[in-house]
């Protein structure tokens, strides 16, 4: 039997589903409904006093830049989860702009897990190259829908002061199509929630994704 995508070699290793999308697109809600272990990639943000944090032209930290995030640490956690089934991961407090401890994430024999966050697509190429990847998805909605969901969530969770949330929300709504385009260029498949849920289920059932991730 060949090792082609249509005839995958049986394996007991879990595979990761990288779930990206603009802030407020519904990543966390979909991940919770999937019934799989979830690695929250937002927990790998840099602390607010990190001197390497990127800055916005008008001032303030650009938390929507991949440079505000510990990419290598997130990738290392995914490797440990695939190889060992457990990993110690940080717990980040967005209102406090810093880590608030750590926790142990265990797969408990699950065939797949979800790594979700706005920077998930940044890891597609490396995860695919290392044989860790089950699928890479980018949740896509109408920008106004995403903006409303994001604002409700951020106000409910008291993530930042409301003037900051409104300013950031307007900026992200205007940038949303470009954000999705970038994540697709990095290898994520753009789709709405129902299709994403079906594809997550396919990975958990050890079936190949409907489309190749690279040409």
N, C-alpha and C. Protein backbone atom coordinates (compact mmCIF):
# COMPACT_ATOMS: atom_id res chain seq x y z
N UNK A 1 0.84 -1.19 0.00
CA UNK A 1 0.00 0.00 0.00
C UNK A 1 0.88 1.24 0.00
N UNK A 2 0.56 2.20 -0.82
CA UNK A 2 1.39 3.41 -0.94
C UNK A 2 1.14 4.34 0.23
N UNK A 3 2.05 5.31 0.38
CA UNK A 3 1.94 6.29 1.45
C UNK A 3 1.30 7.58 0.95
N UNK A 4 0.46 7.52 -0.06
CA UNK A 4 -0.19 8.70 -0.62
C UNK A 4 -1.26 9.21 0.33
N UNK A 5 -1.73 10.47 0.17
CA UNK A 5 -2.78 11.00 1.03
C UNK A 5 -4.04 10.16 1.03
N UNK A 6 -4.30 9.42 -0.07
CA UNK A 6 -5.50 8.60 -0.12
C UNK A 6 -5.33 7.29 0.62
N UNK A 7 -4.07 6.92 0.94
CA UNK A 7 -3.79 5.69 1.67
C UNK A 7 -2.82 5.98 2.80
N UNK A 8 -3.25 6.74 3.82
CA UNK A 8 -2.35 7.15 4.87
C UNK A 8 -1.86 5.96 5.68
N UNK A 9 -0.61 6.06 6.15
CA UNK A 9 -0.07 5.02 7.00
C UNK A 9 -0.73 5.10 8.37
N UNK A 10 -1.25 3.99 8.92
CA UNK A 10 -1.88 4.04 10.24
C UNK A 10 -0.88 4.56 11.28
N UNK A 11 -1.36 5.34 12.17
CA UNK A 11 -0.49 5.92 13.20
C UNK A 11 -1.28 6.14 14.47
N UNK A 12 -0.59 6.06 15.60
CA UNK A 12 -1.25 6.33 16.88
C UNK A 12 -0.98 7.76 17.33
N UNK A 13 -0.15 8.49 16.58
CA UNK A 13 0.13 9.87 16.97
C UNK A 13 -1.06 10.76 16.67
N UNK A 14 -1.33 11.66 17.58
CA UNK A 14 -2.39 12.63 17.34
C UNK A 14 -1.93 13.61 16.27
N UNK A 15 -2.88 14.25 15.62
CA UNK A 15 -2.58 15.29 14.64
C UNK A 15 -3.22 16.60 15.09
N UNK A 16 -2.61 17.68 14.70
CA UNK A 16 -3.10 18.98 15.11
C UNK A 16 -3.93 19.61 14.00
N UNK A 17 -5.03 20.23 14.39
CA UNK A 17 -5.81 21.08 13.50
C UNK A 17 -5.51 22.51 13.89
N UNK A 18 -4.87 23.24 12.99
CA UNK A 18 -4.57 24.65 13.23
C UNK A 18 -5.78 25.48 12.82
N UNK A 19 -6.38 26.14 13.79
CA UNK A 19 -7.62 26.89 13.56
C UNK A 19 -7.34 28.37 13.73
N UNK A 20 -7.28 29.07 12.60
CA UNK A 20 -7.01 30.50 12.61
C UNK A 20 -8.26 31.27 12.18
N UNK A 21 -8.10 32.56 11.97
CA UNK A 21 -9.20 33.43 11.61
C UNK A 21 -9.07 34.74 12.33
N UNK A 22 -9.72 35.79 11.86
CA UNK A 22 -9.64 37.08 12.54
C UNK A 22 -10.16 37.00 13.98
N UNK A 23 -9.72 37.90 14.81
CA UNK A 23 -10.23 37.97 16.17
C UNK A 23 -11.74 38.15 16.15
N UNK A 24 -12.45 37.28 16.87
CA UNK A 24 -13.91 37.34 16.93
C UNK A 24 -14.60 36.49 15.89
N UNK A 25 -13.87 35.70 15.13
CA UNK A 25 -14.49 34.90 14.06
C UNK A 25 -15.17 33.64 14.56
N UNK A 26 -14.99 33.28 15.82
CA UNK A 26 -15.66 32.11 16.37
C UNK A 26 -14.76 30.91 16.58
N UNK A 27 -13.46 31.11 16.62
CA UNK A 27 -12.52 30.00 16.77
C UNK A 27 -12.71 29.25 18.08
N UNK A 28 -12.76 30.01 19.18
CA UNK A 28 -12.86 29.36 20.49
C UNK A 28 -14.17 28.60 20.63
N UNK A 29 -15.27 29.17 20.14
CA UNK A 29 -16.57 28.50 20.24
C UNK A 29 -16.57 27.21 19.44
N UNK A 30 -16.03 27.25 18.22
CA UNK A 30 -15.98 26.03 17.41
C UNK A 30 -15.10 24.98 18.07
N UNK A 31 -13.95 25.40 18.60
CA UNK A 31 -13.05 24.46 19.24
C UNK A 31 -13.71 23.79 20.45
N UNK A 32 -14.45 24.56 21.23
CA UNK A 32 -15.13 23.99 22.40
C UNK A 32 -16.18 22.97 21.99
N UNK A 33 -16.89 23.23 20.89
CA UNK A 33 -17.94 22.31 20.44
C UNK A 33 -17.38 21.03 19.82
N UNK A 34 -16.13 21.06 19.39
CA UNK A 34 -15.57 19.92 18.67
C UNK A 34 -15.35 18.70 19.56
N UNK A 35 -15.24 18.92 20.87
CA UNK A 35 -15.04 17.78 21.77
C UNK A 35 -13.63 17.23 21.77
N UNK A 36 -12.67 18.01 21.30
CA UNK A 36 -11.26 17.61 21.28
C UNK A 36 -10.46 18.48 22.23
N UNK A 37 -9.29 18.02 22.68
CA UNK A 37 -8.43 18.89 23.48
C UNK A 37 -8.07 20.15 22.68
N UNK A 38 -7.93 21.27 23.39
CA UNK A 38 -7.68 22.54 22.72
C UNK A 38 -6.45 23.22 23.32
N UNK A 39 -5.52 23.57 22.44
CA UNK A 39 -4.36 24.38 22.82
C UNK A 39 -4.68 25.82 22.45
N UNK A 40 -4.75 26.70 23.45
CA UNK A 40 -5.06 28.11 23.22
C UNK A 40 -3.77 28.84 22.85
N UNK A 41 -3.62 29.17 21.59
CA UNK A 41 -2.39 29.81 21.15
C UNK A 41 -2.25 31.24 21.66
N UNK A 42 -3.35 31.88 22.04
CA UNK A 42 -3.25 33.22 22.62
C UNK A 42 -2.47 33.22 23.93
N UNK A 43 -2.34 32.06 24.57
CA UNK A 43 -1.58 31.98 25.81
C UNK A 43 -0.08 32.14 25.58
N UNK A 44 0.34 32.19 24.33
CA UNK A 44 1.75 32.36 24.01
C UNK A 44 2.10 33.81 23.65
N UNK A 45 1.20 34.75 23.94
CA UNK A 45 1.53 36.16 23.77
C UNK A 45 2.74 36.53 24.65
N UNK A 46 3.49 37.51 24.20
CA UNK A 46 4.56 38.07 25.02
C UNK A 46 3.98 38.91 26.14
N UNK A 47 4.72 39.02 27.24
CA UNK A 47 4.29 39.89 28.33
C UNK A 47 4.31 41.35 27.88
N UNK A 48 3.47 42.15 28.50
CA UNK A 48 3.32 43.54 28.09
C UNK A 48 4.56 44.39 28.24
N UNK A 49 5.53 43.95 29.08
CA UNK A 49 6.76 44.73 29.25
C UNK A 49 7.91 44.18 28.41
N UNK A 50 7.63 43.27 27.50
CA UNK A 50 8.67 42.70 26.64
C UNK A 50 9.15 43.78 25.67
N UNK A 51 10.44 44.09 25.64
CA UNK A 51 10.94 45.17 24.78
C UNK A 51 10.85 44.85 23.29
N UNK A 52 10.61 43.57 22.94
CA UNK A 52 10.52 43.21 21.52
C UNK A 52 9.11 43.34 20.95
N UNK A 53 8.16 43.78 21.74
CA UNK A 53 6.79 43.92 21.25
C UNK A 53 6.72 44.94 20.12
N UNK A 54 5.97 44.63 19.04
CA UNK A 54 5.83 45.58 17.94
C UNK A 54 4.90 46.73 18.33
N UNK A 55 5.13 47.88 17.73
CA UNK A 55 4.35 49.07 18.06
C UNK A 55 3.54 49.54 16.86
N UNK A 56 2.36 50.10 17.14
CA UNK A 56 1.52 50.68 16.10
C UNK A 56 2.07 52.05 15.71
N UNK A 57 1.85 52.48 14.47
CA UNK A 57 2.33 53.81 14.06
C UNK A 57 1.80 54.94 14.93
N UNK A 58 0.55 54.79 15.39
CA UNK A 58 -0.04 55.84 16.21
C UNK A 58 0.29 55.70 17.69
N UNK A 59 1.08 54.67 18.03
CA UNK A 59 1.46 54.44 19.41
C UNK A 59 0.72 53.26 20.02
N UNK A 60 1.33 52.61 20.98
CA UNK A 60 0.72 51.45 21.62
C UNK A 60 1.18 50.16 20.97
N UNK A 61 0.98 49.07 21.69
CA UNK A 61 1.41 47.75 21.22
C UNK A 61 0.49 47.22 20.14
N UNK A 62 1.09 46.64 19.13
CA UNK A 62 0.31 45.99 18.07
C UNK A 62 0.13 44.52 18.43
N UNK A 63 -0.94 44.22 19.18
CA UNK A 63 -1.20 42.85 19.61
C UNK A 63 -1.71 41.96 18.48
N UNK A 64 -1.95 42.53 17.32
CA UNK A 64 -2.42 41.75 16.17
C UNK A 64 -1.28 41.39 15.22
N UNK A 65 -0.06 41.72 15.60
CA UNK A 65 1.11 41.34 14.82
C UNK A 65 1.67 40.02 15.33
N UNK A 66 2.09 39.13 14.44
CA UNK A 66 2.73 37.87 14.90
C UNK A 66 3.98 38.11 15.74
N UNK A 67 4.56 39.30 15.64
CA UNK A 67 5.75 39.60 16.43
C UNK A 67 5.43 39.81 17.91
N UNK A 68 4.14 39.86 18.26
CA UNK A 68 3.73 40.00 19.67
C UNK A 68 3.57 38.64 20.35
N UNK A 69 4.04 37.60 19.70
CA UNK A 69 3.69 36.23 20.08
C UNK A 69 4.94 35.35 20.05
N UNK A 70 5.01 34.38 20.98
CA UNK A 70 6.14 33.45 21.04
C UNK A 70 5.87 32.26 20.11
N UNK A 71 6.21 32.43 18.85
CA UNK A 71 5.95 31.41 17.84
C UNK A 71 6.68 30.10 18.15
N UNK A 72 7.96 30.19 18.50
CA UNK A 72 8.76 28.99 18.74
C UNK A 72 8.22 28.20 19.93
N UNK A 73 7.76 28.88 20.97
CA UNK A 73 7.21 28.19 22.13
C UNK A 73 5.90 27.48 21.78
N UNK A 74 5.07 28.12 20.97
CA UNK A 74 3.82 27.50 20.56
C UNK A 74 4.09 26.24 19.73
N UNK A 75 5.04 26.32 18.82
CA UNK A 75 5.38 25.17 17.99
C UNK A 75 5.95 24.04 18.85
N UNK A 76 6.78 24.37 19.82
CA UNK A 76 7.34 23.36 20.71
C UNK A 76 6.25 22.64 21.49
N UNK A 77 5.22 23.38 21.93
CA UNK A 77 4.11 22.76 22.66
C UNK A 77 3.35 21.79 21.76
N UNK A 78 3.14 22.16 20.51
CA UNK A 78 2.46 21.27 19.57
C UNK A 78 3.27 20.00 19.36
N UNK A 79 4.59 20.14 19.22
CA UNK A 79 5.44 18.96 19.07
C UNK A 79 5.31 18.03 20.28
N UNK A 80 5.36 18.59 21.49
CA UNK A 80 5.27 17.77 22.69
C UNK A 80 3.92 17.06 22.77
N UNK A 81 2.85 17.75 22.40
CA UNK A 81 1.53 17.12 22.45
C UNK A 81 1.45 15.96 21.46
N UNK A 82 1.99 16.14 20.27
CA UNK A 82 1.96 15.07 19.27
C UNK A 82 2.83 13.90 19.72
N UNK A 83 4.01 14.19 20.23
CA UNK A 83 4.97 13.14 20.54
C UNK A 83 4.73 12.46 21.89
N UNK A 84 4.28 13.24 22.88
CA UNK A 84 4.14 12.69 24.23
C UNK A 84 2.71 12.68 24.74
N UNK A 85 1.80 13.38 24.07
CA UNK A 85 0.41 13.40 24.50
C UNK A 85 0.12 14.36 25.63
N UNK A 86 1.11 15.13 26.05
CA UNK A 86 0.90 16.10 27.13
C UNK A 86 1.97 17.17 27.04
N UNK A 87 1.65 18.35 27.54
CA UNK A 87 2.60 19.45 27.53
C UNK A 87 2.21 20.47 28.58
N UNK A 88 3.20 21.07 29.20
CA UNK A 88 2.95 22.20 30.10
C UNK A 88 2.88 23.46 29.26
N UNK A 89 1.79 24.18 29.39
CA UNK A 89 1.57 25.36 28.55
C UNK A 89 1.26 26.56 29.44
N UNK A 90 1.55 27.75 28.96
CA UNK A 90 1.28 28.95 29.78
C UNK A 90 -0.20 29.27 29.85
N UNK A 91 -0.55 30.05 30.86
CA UNK A 91 -1.88 30.64 30.98
C UNK A 91 -1.68 32.15 30.97
N UNK A 92 -2.30 32.81 30.01
CA UNK A 92 -2.07 34.25 29.80
C UNK A 92 -3.31 35.05 30.20
N UNK A 93 -3.07 36.16 30.86
CA UNK A 93 -4.15 37.08 31.22
C UNK A 93 -4.10 38.27 30.27
N UNK A 94 -5.08 38.37 29.37
CA UNK A 94 -5.11 39.49 28.43
C UNK A 94 -5.32 40.82 29.15
N UNK A 95 -6.25 40.94 30.12
CA UNK A 95 -6.38 42.23 30.81
C UNK A 95 -5.10 42.67 31.52
N UNK A 96 -4.32 41.68 32.02
CA UNK A 96 -3.09 42.02 32.74
C UNK A 96 -1.87 42.09 31.83
N UNK A 97 -2.03 41.73 30.55
CA UNK A 97 -0.92 41.75 29.60
C UNK A 97 0.26 40.90 30.06
N UNK A 98 -0.03 39.70 30.57
CA UNK A 98 1.08 38.87 31.02
C UNK A 98 0.63 37.48 31.42
N UNK A 99 1.61 36.61 31.57
CA UNK A 99 1.33 35.24 31.98
C UNK A 99 0.92 35.17 33.44
N UNK A 100 -0.06 34.30 33.69
CA UNK A 100 -0.59 34.17 35.04
C UNK A 100 -0.36 32.76 35.59
N UNK A 101 0.63 32.05 35.06
CA UNK A 101 0.92 30.70 35.51
C UNK A 101 1.01 29.75 34.34
N UNK A 102 0.79 28.46 34.64
CA UNK A 102 0.84 27.44 33.60
C UNK A 102 -0.10 26.31 33.97
N UNK A 103 -0.33 25.42 33.01
CA UNK A 103 -1.16 24.25 33.23
C UNK A 103 -0.65 23.12 32.36
N UNK A 104 -1.04 21.91 32.68
CA UNK A 104 -0.67 20.75 31.88
C UNK A 104 -1.86 20.38 31.00
N UNK A 105 -1.65 20.37 29.71
CA UNK A 105 -2.67 19.95 28.75
C UNK A 105 -2.38 18.51 28.36
N UNK A 106 -3.37 17.64 28.52
CA UNK A 106 -3.22 16.22 28.23
C UNK A 106 -4.21 15.81 27.16
N UNK A 107 -3.75 15.05 26.17
CA UNK A 107 -4.64 14.60 25.10
C UNK A 107 -5.49 13.41 25.51
N UNK A 108 -5.04 12.64 26.52
CA UNK A 108 -5.81 11.51 27.03
C UNK A 108 -6.25 10.55 25.92
N UNK A 109 -5.36 10.30 24.98
CA UNK A 109 -5.64 9.35 23.91
C UNK A 109 -6.45 9.89 22.75
N UNK A 110 -6.76 11.18 22.74
CA UNK A 110 -7.54 11.75 21.63
C UNK A 110 -6.75 11.63 20.33
N UNK A 111 -7.42 11.34 19.22
CA UNK A 111 -6.72 11.17 17.94
C UNK A 111 -6.28 12.48 17.31
N UNK A 112 -6.78 13.60 17.83
CA UNK A 112 -6.44 14.91 17.27
C UNK A 112 -6.67 15.95 18.35
N UNK A 113 -6.08 17.12 18.15
CA UNK A 113 -6.35 18.25 19.02
C UNK A 113 -6.35 19.51 18.18
N UNK A 114 -6.95 20.56 18.72
CA UNK A 114 -7.06 21.83 18.02
C UNK A 114 -6.11 22.84 18.65
N UNK A 115 -5.34 23.52 17.82
CA UNK A 115 -4.53 24.66 18.26
C UNK A 115 -5.15 25.89 17.63
N UNK A 116 -5.80 26.73 18.44
CA UNK A 116 -6.56 27.84 17.86
C UNK A 116 -6.04 29.18 18.34
N UNK A 117 -6.06 30.14 17.41
CA UNK A 117 -5.64 31.49 17.72
C UNK A 117 -5.43 32.29 16.44
N UNK A 118 -5.32 33.60 16.58
CA UNK A 118 -5.23 34.43 15.39
C UNK A 118 -3.93 34.22 14.63
N UNK A 119 -2.92 33.62 15.29
CA UNK A 119 -1.64 33.37 14.62
C UNK A 119 -1.44 31.92 14.24
N UNK A 120 -2.46 31.10 14.31
CA UNK A 120 -2.31 29.67 14.04
C UNK A 120 -1.75 29.40 12.65
N UNK A 121 -2.15 30.19 11.67
CA UNK A 121 -1.68 29.95 10.30
C UNK A 121 -0.18 30.14 10.16
N UNK A 122 0.44 30.88 11.09
CA UNK A 122 1.89 31.07 11.03
C UNK A 122 2.63 29.75 11.20
N UNK A 123 1.98 28.72 11.71
CA UNK A 123 2.62 27.44 12.01
C UNK A 123 2.33 26.37 10.96
N UNK A 124 1.54 26.69 9.94
CA UNK A 124 1.11 25.67 8.98
C UNK A 124 2.30 25.00 8.29
N UNK A 125 3.19 25.78 7.71
CA UNK A 125 4.28 25.21 6.93
C UNK A 125 5.17 24.30 7.77
N UNK A 126 5.51 24.74 8.98
CA UNK A 126 6.39 23.94 9.82
C UNK A 126 5.71 22.67 10.30
N UNK A 127 4.44 22.76 10.70
CA UNK A 127 3.72 21.57 11.15
C UNK A 127 3.55 20.57 10.02
N UNK A 128 3.30 21.07 8.83
CA UNK A 128 3.16 20.17 7.69
C UNK A 128 4.49 19.51 7.37
N UNK A 129 5.58 20.27 7.42
CA UNK A 129 6.89 19.72 7.11
C UNK A 129 7.30 18.64 8.10
N UNK A 130 6.86 18.76 9.36
CA UNK A 130 7.22 17.80 10.39
C UNK A 130 6.22 16.66 10.53
N UNK A 131 5.19 16.63 9.69
CA UNK A 131 4.21 15.55 9.75
C UNK A 131 3.28 15.64 10.94
N UNK A 132 3.07 16.84 11.46
CA UNK A 132 2.20 17.03 12.63
C UNK A 132 0.79 17.42 12.25
N UNK A 133 0.60 17.87 11.03
CA UNK A 133 -0.62 18.57 10.64
C UNK A 133 -1.73 17.64 10.17
N UNK A 134 -2.92 17.86 10.75
CA UNK A 134 -4.12 17.19 10.26
C UNK A 134 -4.87 18.06 9.27
N UNK A 135 -5.02 19.33 9.59
CA UNK A 135 -5.68 20.28 8.70
C UNK A 135 -5.36 21.68 9.21
N UNK A 136 -5.54 22.67 8.34
CA UNK A 136 -5.35 24.08 8.71
C UNK A 136 -6.53 24.85 8.18
N UNK A 137 -7.24 25.53 9.06
CA UNK A 137 -8.48 26.19 8.72
C UNK A 137 -8.45 27.66 9.13
N UNK A 138 -9.13 28.47 8.37
CA UNK A 138 -9.30 29.89 8.70
C UNK A 138 -10.79 30.19 8.68
N UNK A 139 -11.35 30.53 9.83
CA UNK A 139 -12.78 30.85 9.88
C UNK A 139 -13.02 32.20 9.21
N UNK A 140 -14.03 32.22 8.34
CA UNK A 140 -14.32 33.42 7.57
C UNK A 140 -15.79 33.78 7.72
N UNK A 141 -16.05 35.05 8.07
CA UNK A 141 -17.41 35.58 8.18
C UNK A 141 -17.47 36.92 7.45
N UNK A 142 -18.62 37.56 7.49
CA UNK A 142 -18.69 38.94 7.05
C UNK A 142 -17.98 39.82 8.08
N UNK A 143 -17.20 40.80 7.63
CA UNK A 143 -16.45 41.63 8.58
C UNK A 143 -17.32 42.26 9.66
N UNK A 144 -18.52 42.70 9.33
CA UNK A 144 -19.39 43.33 10.33
C UNK A 144 -19.82 42.31 11.38
N UNK A 145 -20.10 41.08 10.95
CA UNK A 145 -20.46 40.02 11.89
C UNK A 145 -19.31 39.73 12.85
N UNK A 146 -18.12 39.61 12.30
CA UNK A 146 -16.94 39.36 13.14
C UNK A 146 -16.73 40.51 14.13
N UNK A 147 -16.88 41.74 13.66
CA UNK A 147 -16.65 42.91 14.52
C UNK A 147 -17.62 42.92 15.70
N UNK A 148 -18.89 42.62 15.43
CA UNK A 148 -19.89 42.62 16.50
C UNK A 148 -19.61 41.52 17.51
N UNK A 149 -19.26 40.33 17.02
CA UNK A 149 -18.93 39.23 17.93
C UNK A 149 -17.70 39.58 18.78
N UNK A 150 -16.72 40.16 18.15
CA UNK A 150 -15.48 40.51 18.87
C UNK A 150 -15.76 41.53 19.96
N UNK A 151 -16.54 42.56 19.64
CA UNK A 151 -16.83 43.60 20.62
C UNK A 151 -17.61 43.04 21.80
N UNK A 152 -18.64 42.23 21.53
CA UNK A 152 -19.41 41.64 22.63
C UNK A 152 -18.53 40.80 23.54
N UNK A 153 -17.66 39.97 22.94
CA UNK A 153 -16.77 39.12 23.73
C UNK A 153 -15.80 39.95 24.56
N UNK A 154 -15.17 40.94 23.93
CA UNK A 154 -14.13 41.71 24.63
C UNK A 154 -14.71 42.55 25.76
N UNK A 155 -15.92 43.08 25.57
CA UNK A 155 -16.58 43.84 26.64
C UNK A 155 -16.98 42.89 27.76
N UNK A 156 -17.55 41.75 27.40
CA UNK A 156 -17.98 40.77 28.41
C UNK A 156 -16.81 40.30 29.27
N UNK A 157 -15.65 40.10 28.65
CA UNK A 157 -14.49 39.59 29.36
C UNK A 157 -13.59 40.71 29.91
N UNK A 158 -14.01 41.96 29.70
CA UNK A 158 -13.25 43.12 30.19
C UNK A 158 -11.79 43.04 29.77
N UNK A 159 -11.59 42.74 28.49
CA UNK A 159 -10.22 42.54 28.02
C UNK A 159 -9.40 43.83 28.01
N UNK A 160 -10.03 44.90 27.58
CA UNK A 160 -9.35 46.20 27.50
C UNK A 160 -10.40 47.29 27.73
N UNK A 161 -9.97 48.55 27.95
CA UNK A 161 -10.93 49.65 28.06
C UNK A 161 -11.75 49.79 26.77
N UNK A 162 -13.00 50.21 26.92
CA UNK A 162 -13.91 50.27 25.77
C UNK A 162 -13.39 51.18 24.65
N UNK A 163 -12.84 52.36 24.92
CA UNK A 163 -12.31 53.17 23.81
C UNK A 163 -11.25 52.42 22.99
N UNK A 164 -10.39 51.69 23.68
CA UNK A 164 -9.38 50.90 22.98
C UNK A 164 -10.04 49.83 22.12
N UNK A 165 -11.07 49.15 22.66
CA UNK A 165 -11.75 48.09 21.92
C UNK A 165 -12.43 48.64 20.67
N UNK A 166 -13.04 49.81 20.78
CA UNK A 166 -13.71 50.40 19.63
C UNK A 166 -12.71 50.79 18.54
N UNK A 167 -11.61 51.38 18.96
CA UNK A 167 -10.58 51.78 17.99
C UNK A 167 -9.99 50.56 17.30
N UNK A 168 -9.64 49.55 18.09
CA UNK A 168 -9.06 48.32 17.52
C UNK A 168 -10.08 47.62 16.63
N UNK A 169 -11.34 47.59 17.08
CA UNK A 169 -12.37 46.91 16.30
C UNK A 169 -12.57 47.53 14.93
N UNK A 170 -12.56 48.85 14.86
CA UNK A 170 -12.72 49.53 13.58
C UNK A 170 -11.53 49.22 12.66
N UNK A 171 -10.33 49.23 13.25
CA UNK A 171 -9.13 48.94 12.46
C UNK A 171 -9.16 47.50 11.93
N UNK A 172 -9.55 46.56 12.78
CA UNK A 172 -9.57 45.16 12.36
C UNK A 172 -10.69 44.88 11.35
N UNK A 173 -11.82 45.55 11.48
CA UNK A 173 -12.90 45.33 10.53
C UNK A 173 -12.46 45.76 9.13
N UNK A 174 -11.77 46.89 9.05
CA UNK A 174 -11.29 47.34 7.74
C UNK A 174 -10.21 46.43 7.18
N UNK A 175 -9.45 45.78 8.08
CA UNK A 175 -8.33 44.94 7.65
C UNK A 175 -8.72 43.48 7.47
N UNK A 176 -9.98 43.11 7.75
CA UNK A 176 -10.32 41.69 7.86
C UNK A 176 -10.06 40.89 6.57
N UNK A 177 -10.44 41.43 5.43
CA UNK A 177 -10.22 40.68 4.19
C UNK A 177 -8.73 40.41 3.96
N UNK A 178 -7.90 41.38 4.29
CA UNK A 178 -6.46 41.19 4.16
C UNK A 178 -5.93 40.16 5.14
N UNK A 179 -6.51 40.14 6.36
CA UNK A 179 -6.10 39.16 7.36
C UNK A 179 -6.40 37.74 6.87
N UNK A 180 -7.60 37.55 6.35
CA UNK A 180 -7.98 36.23 5.83
C UNK A 180 -7.09 35.85 4.65
N UNK A 181 -6.82 36.80 3.76
CA UNK A 181 -5.98 36.52 2.59
C UNK A 181 -4.59 36.08 3.02
N UNK A 182 -4.05 36.71 4.05
CA UNK A 182 -2.72 36.33 4.53
C UNK A 182 -2.73 34.91 5.09
N UNK A 183 -3.76 34.57 5.86
CA UNK A 183 -3.81 33.25 6.46
C UNK A 183 -4.00 32.17 5.40
N UNK A 184 -4.74 32.48 4.36
CA UNK A 184 -4.87 31.54 3.25
C UNK A 184 -3.53 31.37 2.54
N UNK A 185 -2.81 32.47 2.35
CA UNK A 185 -1.49 32.40 1.70
C UNK A 185 -0.51 31.56 2.51
N UNK A 186 -0.70 31.53 3.82
CA UNK A 186 0.16 30.73 4.69
C UNK A 186 -0.23 29.25 4.70
N UNK A 187 -1.35 28.91 4.06
CA UNK A 187 -1.72 27.50 3.93
C UNK A 187 -3.02 27.10 4.57
N UNK A 188 -3.77 28.04 5.16
CA UNK A 188 -5.04 27.71 5.79
C UNK A 188 -6.17 27.72 4.76
N UNK A 189 -7.16 26.86 4.96
CA UNK A 189 -8.34 26.81 4.10
C UNK A 189 -9.42 27.69 4.70
N UNK A 190 -9.86 28.70 3.98
CA UNK A 190 -10.88 29.63 4.49
C UNK A 190 -12.27 29.02 4.32
N UNK A 191 -13.05 29.06 5.37
CA UNK A 191 -14.40 28.50 5.31
C UNK A 191 -15.22 29.03 6.49
N UNK A 192 -16.52 28.81 6.42
CA UNK A 192 -17.42 29.16 7.52
C UNK A 192 -17.43 28.03 8.56
N UNK A 193 -18.09 28.29 9.67
CA UNK A 193 -18.09 27.36 10.79
C UNK A 193 -18.55 25.95 10.46
N UNK A 194 -19.67 25.75 9.75
CA UNK A 194 -20.13 24.38 9.49
C UNK A 194 -19.11 23.54 8.72
N UNK A 195 -18.49 24.11 7.70
CA UNK A 195 -17.48 23.35 6.96
C UNK A 195 -16.26 23.07 7.83
N UNK A 196 -15.86 24.05 8.63
CA UNK A 196 -14.73 23.84 9.52
C UNK A 196 -15.00 22.70 10.49
N UNK A 197 -16.21 22.65 11.05
CA UNK A 197 -16.56 21.59 11.98
C UNK A 197 -16.49 20.22 11.30
N UNK A 198 -16.95 20.14 10.06
CA UNK A 198 -16.89 18.87 9.34
C UNK A 198 -15.45 18.44 9.13
N UNK A 199 -14.59 19.38 8.78
CA UNK A 199 -13.20 19.03 8.53
C UNK A 199 -12.48 18.62 9.81
N UNK A 200 -12.80 19.26 10.92
CA UNK A 200 -12.23 18.83 12.20
C UNK A 200 -12.64 17.40 12.50
N UNK A 201 -13.91 17.08 12.27
CA UNK A 201 -14.40 15.73 12.50
C UNK A 201 -13.67 14.71 11.62
N UNK A 202 -13.38 15.09 10.39
CA UNK A 202 -12.67 14.19 9.49
C UNK A 202 -11.27 13.88 10.00
N UNK A 203 -10.58 14.89 10.54
CA UNK A 203 -9.25 14.65 11.09
C UNK A 203 -9.34 13.73 12.31
N UNK A 204 -10.32 13.97 13.18
CA UNK A 204 -10.48 13.13 14.36
C UNK A 204 -10.81 11.68 13.99
N UNK A 205 -11.44 11.51 12.84
CA UNK A 205 -11.79 10.16 12.37
C UNK A 205 -10.68 9.55 11.52
N UNK A 206 -9.52 10.21 11.47
CA UNK A 206 -8.36 9.74 10.70
C UNK A 206 -8.65 9.66 9.22
N UNK A 207 -9.43 10.62 8.72
CA UNK A 207 -9.65 10.68 7.28
C UNK A 207 -8.90 11.88 6.73
N UNK A 208 -8.38 11.80 5.51
CA UNK A 208 -7.62 12.93 4.94
C UNK A 208 -8.51 14.13 4.71
N UNK A 209 -7.93 15.31 4.77
CA UNK A 209 -8.66 16.55 4.49
C UNK A 209 -9.13 16.54 3.04
N UNK A 210 -10.27 17.22 2.75
CA UNK A 210 -10.81 17.22 1.38
C UNK A 210 -9.86 17.79 0.35
N UNK A 211 -9.00 18.73 0.73
CA UNK A 211 -8.10 19.36 -0.22
C UNK A 211 -6.69 19.33 0.32
N UNK A 212 -5.72 19.22 -0.58
CA UNK A 212 -4.34 19.30 -0.17
C UNK A 212 -4.05 20.69 0.38
N UNK A 213 -3.15 20.76 1.35
CA UNK A 213 -2.84 22.04 1.95
C UNK A 213 -1.85 22.83 1.11
N UNK A 214 -1.10 22.14 0.28
CA UNK A 214 -0.17 22.82 -0.60
C UNK A 214 -0.33 22.29 -2.00
N UNK A 215 0.05 23.11 -2.97
CA UNK A 215 -0.07 22.70 -4.36
C UNK A 215 0.98 21.66 -4.69
